[in-house]
Amino acid sequence: MVRSEDIHPRERASFEERLAGRYTAPFEETPWVEAPKLVDARVAIVTTAAIHRSDDRPFAGHVGDYRVIPGDIDYQDLAMTHSSTNFDRSAYQQDVNVCFPLDHLRTMVESREIGSVAD
């Protein structure tokens, strides 16, 4: 997706004008909860890339279900069953971290940037 600052100023102004007032976050009465520091946080990944364990049932279209992937899984035990003909799987096939950056989270745990990876 293009970055906002890379869009021509007139086009960006038009886009921002069309979006103005369409959505207002409902947080006026909801108290914010301060998140833990990343060094203390347990981090999980939520993805819509139809990635699951190889022995799980494949995703079947627009069902809206989910699969739990353990934090210690080996990438060889993952499968992708995204069914769109418009979806290019080549990046995923070269590096799963494109869709499911578990290696990066593990590195962040090792370097003590985050507390842990969810189970």
C-alpha atoms as a PDB file:
ATOM      1  CA  MET A   1       0.000   0.000   0.000  1.00  0.00           C
ATOM      2  CA  VAL A   2       1.266   3.453  -0.816  1.00  0.00           C
ATOM      3  CA  ARG A   3       2.342   5.701   2.042  1.00  0.00           C
ATOM      4  CA  SER A   4       0.203   8.776   2.632  1.00  0.00           C
ATOM      5  CA  GLU A   5       3.161  11.125   2.234  1.00  0.00           C
ATOM      6  CA  ASP A   6       3.836   9.698  -1.257  1.00  0.00           C
ATOM      7  CA  ILE A   7       0.391  10.654  -2.576  1.00  0.00           C
ATOM      8  CA  HIS A   8       0.133  13.927  -4.492  1.00  0.00           C
ATOM      9  CA  PRO A   9      -1.070  16.688  -2.084  1.00  0.00           C
ATOM     10  CA  ARG A  10      -4.310  17.363  -4.030  1.00  0.00           C
ATOM     11  CA  GLU A  11      -5.172  13.683  -4.177  1.00  0.00           C
ATOM     12  CA  ARG A  12      -4.324  13.235  -0.484  1.00  0.00           C
ATOM     13  CA  ALA A  13      -6.515  16.233   0.452  1.00  0.00           C
ATOM     14  CA  SER A  14      -9.409  14.759  -1.535  1.00  0.00           C
ATOM     15  CA  PHE A  15      -8.925  11.372   0.108  1.00  0.00           C
ATOM     16  CA  GLU A  16      -8.776  12.884   3.603  1.00  0.00           C
ATOM     17  CA  GLU A  17     -11.885  14.979   2.884  1.00  0.00           C
ATOM     18  CA  ARG A  18     -13.823  11.874   1.815  1.00  0.00           C
ATOM     19  CA  LEU A  19     -12.760  10.025   4.961  1.00  0.00           C
ATOM     20  CA  ALA A  20     -13.397  12.894   7.363  1.00  0.00           C
ATOM     21  CA  GLY A  21     -16.261  12.166   9.696  1.00  0.00           C
ATOM     22  CA  ARG A  22     -16.905   8.655   8.412  1.00  0.00           C
ATOM     23  CA  TYR A  23     -15.632   6.995  11.535  1.00  0.00           C
ATOM     24  CA  THR A  24     -15.123   8.284  15.012  1.00  0.00           C
ATOM     25  CA  ALA A  25     -13.490   5.953  17.490  1.00  0.00           C
ATOM     26  CA  PRO A  26     -15.915   5.100  20.322  1.00  0.00           C
ATOM     27  CA  PHE A  27     -13.364   5.803  23.040  1.00  0.00           C
ATOM     28  CA  GLU A  28     -14.769   8.996  24.532  1.00  0.00           C
ATOM     29  CA  GLU A  29     -16.311   7.107  27.454  1.00  0.00           C
ATOM     30  CA  THR A  30     -14.125   4.017  27.408  1.00  0.00           C
ATOM     31  CA  PRO A  31     -11.063   4.255  29.635  1.00  0.00           C
ATOM     32  CA  TRP A  32      -7.768   3.392  28.007  1.00  0.00           C
ATOM     33  CA  VAL A  33      -5.713   0.639  29.545  1.00  0.00           C
ATOM     34  CA  GLU A  34      -1.999   1.192  29.420  1.00  0.00           C
ATOM     35  CA  ALA A  35      -0.254  -1.608  27.565  1.00  0.00           C
ATOM     36  CA  PRO A  36       2.700  -3.337  29.178  1.00  0.00           C
ATOM     37  CA  LYS A  37       6.178  -2.389  28.076  1.00  0.00           C
ATOM     38  CA  LEU A  38       7.208  -4.528  25.110  1.00  0.00           C
ATOM     39  CA  VAL A  39      10.004  -6.072  27.140  1.00  0.00           C
ATOM     40  CA  ASP A  40       7.277  -7.487  29.425  1.00  0.00           C
ATOM     41  CA  ALA A  41       4.718  -8.284  26.719  1.00  0.00           C
ATOM     42  CA  ARG A  42       3.641 -11.679  25.427  1.00  0.00           C
ATOM     43  CA  VAL A  43       3.087 -11.230  21.680  1.00  0.00           C
ATOM     44  CA  ALA A  44       0.731 -13.209  19.428  1.00  0.00           C
ATOM     45  CA  ILE A  45       0.204 -13.062  15.679  1.00  0.00           C
ATOM     46  CA  VAL A  46      -3.215 -12.678  14.089  1.00  0.00           C
ATOM     47  CA  THR A  47      -3.188 -13.209  10.334  1.00  0.00           C
ATOM     48  CA  THR A  48      -5.751 -13.522   7.555  1.00  0.00           C
ATOM     49  CA  ALA A  49      -3.314 -15.396   5.300  1.00  0.00           C
ATOM     50  CA  ALA A  50      -5.017 -18.805   5.781  1.00  0.00           C
ATOM     51  CA  ILE A  51      -1.923 -20.271   7.421  1.00  0.00           C
ATOM     52  CA  HIS A  52      -2.391 -23.331   9.609  1.00  0.00           C
ATOM     53  CA  ARG A  53      -0.646 -26.461  10.823  1.00  0.00           C
ATOM     54  CA  SER A  54      -0.287 -29.039   8.064  1.00  0.00           C
ATOM     55  CA  ASP A  55      -2.403 -31.528  10.004  1.00  0.00           C
ATOM     56  CA  ASP A  56      -5.241 -29.013  10.602  1.00  0.00           C
ATOM     57  CA  ARG A  57      -8.255 -28.902   8.302  1.00  0.00           C
ATOM     58  CA  PRO A  58      -7.766 -26.454   5.397  1.00  0.00           C
ATOM     59  CA  PHE A  59      -9.588 -23.132   5.284  1.00  0.00           C
ATOM     60  CA  ALA A  60     -12.731 -23.270   3.153  1.00  0.00           C
ATOM     61  CA  GLY A  61     -13.638 -19.864   1.802  1.00  0.00           C
ATOM     62  CA  HIS A  62     -15.509 -17.252   3.785  1.00  0.00           C
ATOM     63  CA  VAL A  63     -16.404 -19.338   6.825  1.00  0.00           C
ATOM     64  CA  GLY A  64     -14.796 -16.985   9.352  1.00  0.00           C
ATOM     65  CA  ASP A  65     -13.129 -19.648  11.458  1.00  0.00           C
ATOM     66  CA  TYR A  66      -9.592 -19.715  12.821  1.00  0.00           C
ATOM     67  CA  ARG A  67      -6.699 -22.038  13.646  1.00  0.00           C
ATOM     68  CA  VAL A  68      -4.365 -21.891  16.638  1.00  0.00           C
ATOM     69  CA  ILE A  69      -0.683 -22.156  15.747  1.00  0.00           C
ATOM     70  CA  PRO A  70       1.693 -22.862  18.633  1.00  0.00           C
ATOM     71  CA  GLY A  71       4.540 -20.403  19.143  1.00  0.00           C
ATOM     72  CA  ASP A  72       7.151 -23.147  18.933  1.00  0.00           C
ATOM     73  CA  ILE A  73       6.030 -24.558  15.565  1.00  0.00           C
ATOM     74  CA  ASP A  74       8.570 -25.317  12.857  1.00  0.00           C
ATOM     75  CA  TYR A  75       7.771 -23.575   9.571  1.00  0.00           C
ATOM     76  CA  GLN A  76       7.955 -26.935   7.783  1.00  0.00           C
ATOM     77  CA  ASP A  77       4.797 -27.888   9.681  1.00  0.00           C
ATOM     78  CA  LEU A  78       2.770 -24.983   8.243  1.00  0.00           C
ATOM     79  CA  ALA A  79       0.508 -24.850   5.206  1.00  0.00           C
ATOM     80  CA  MET A  80      -1.334 -22.044   3.429  1.00  0.00           C
ATOM     81  CA  THR A  81      -4.755 -22.749   1.956  1.00  0.00           C
ATOM     82  CA  HIS A  82      -5.679 -19.269   0.757  1.00  0.00           C
ATOM     83  CA  SER A  83      -8.086 -19.927  -2.109  1.00  0.00           C
ATOM     84  CA  SER A  84      -8.064 -16.709  -4.147  1.00  0.00           C
ATOM     85  CA  THR A  85      -6.753 -16.909  -7.701  1.00  0.00           C
ATOM     86  CA  ASN A  86      -5.733 -13.264  -7.281  1.00  0.00           C
ATOM     87  CA  PHE A  87      -3.364 -14.031  -4.399  1.00  0.00           C
ATOM     88  CA  ASP A  88       0.327 -14.383  -5.222  1.00  0.00           C
ATOM     89  CA  ARG A  89       1.872 -17.034  -2.957  1.00  0.00           C
ATOM     90  CA  SER A  90       5.431 -16.631  -4.247  1.00  0.00           C
ATOM     91  CA  ALA A  91       6.602 -14.389  -1.389  1.00  0.00           C
ATOM     92  CA  TYR A  92       5.146 -16.813   1.178  1.00  0.00           C
ATOM     93  CA  GLN A  93       6.836 -19.735  -0.567  1.00  0.00           C
ATOM     94  CA  GLN A  94      10.185 -17.943  -0.374  1.00  0.00           C
ATOM     95  CA  ASP A  95       9.816 -16.676   3.198  1.00  0.00           C
ATOM     96  CA  VAL A  96       6.931 -17.513   5.533  1.00  0.00           C
ATOM     97  CA  ASN A  97       7.866 -14.464   7.631  1.00  0.00           C
ATOM     98  CA  VAL A  98       6.145 -12.330   4.986  1.00  0.00           C
ATOM     99  CA  CYS A  99       2.763 -13.540   6.304  1.00  0.00           C
ATOM    100  CA  PHE A 100       3.656 -15.043   9.659  1.00  0.00           C
ATOM    101  CA  PRO A 101       6.759 -13.335  11.156  1.00  0.00           C
ATOM    102  CA  LEU A 102       7.392 -15.853  13.918  1.00  0.00           C
ATOM    103  CA  ASP A 103      11.160 -15.927  13.286  1.00  0.00           C
ATOM    104  CA  HIS A 104      11.276 -12.178  13.826  1.00  0.00           C
ATOM    105  CA  LEU A 105       9.364 -12.471  17.100  1.00  0.00           C
ATOM    106  CA  ARG A 106      11.735 -15.207  18.279  1.00  0.00           C
ATOM    107  CA  THR A 107      14.681 -12.945  17.473  1.00  0.00           C
ATOM    108  CA  MET A 108      13.036 -10.135  19.426  1.00  0.00           C
ATOM    109  CA  VAL A 109      12.658 -12.446  22.437  1.00  0.00           C
ATOM    110  CA  GLU A 110      16.337 -13.426  22.210  1.00  0.00           C
ATOM    111  CA  SER A 111      17.394  -9.772  22.075  1.00  0.00           C
ATOM    112  CA  ARG A 112      15.003  -8.976  24.962  1.00  0.00           C
ATOM    113  CA  GLU A 113      12.922  -6.536  22.911  1.00  0.00           C
ATOM    114  CA  ILE A 114       9.716  -8.416  23.809  1.00  0.00           C
ATOM    115  CA  GLY A 115       8.940 -10.672  26.738  1.00  0.00           C
ATOM    116  CA  SER A 116       7.768 -13.815  24.952  1.00  0.00           C
ATOM    117  CA  VAL A 117       5.872 -15.316  22.046  1.00  0.00           C
ATOM    118  CA  ALA A 118       2.393 -16.661  22.785  1.00  0.00           C
ATOM    119  CA  ASP A 119       2.061 -20.446  23.003  1.00  0.00           C
END
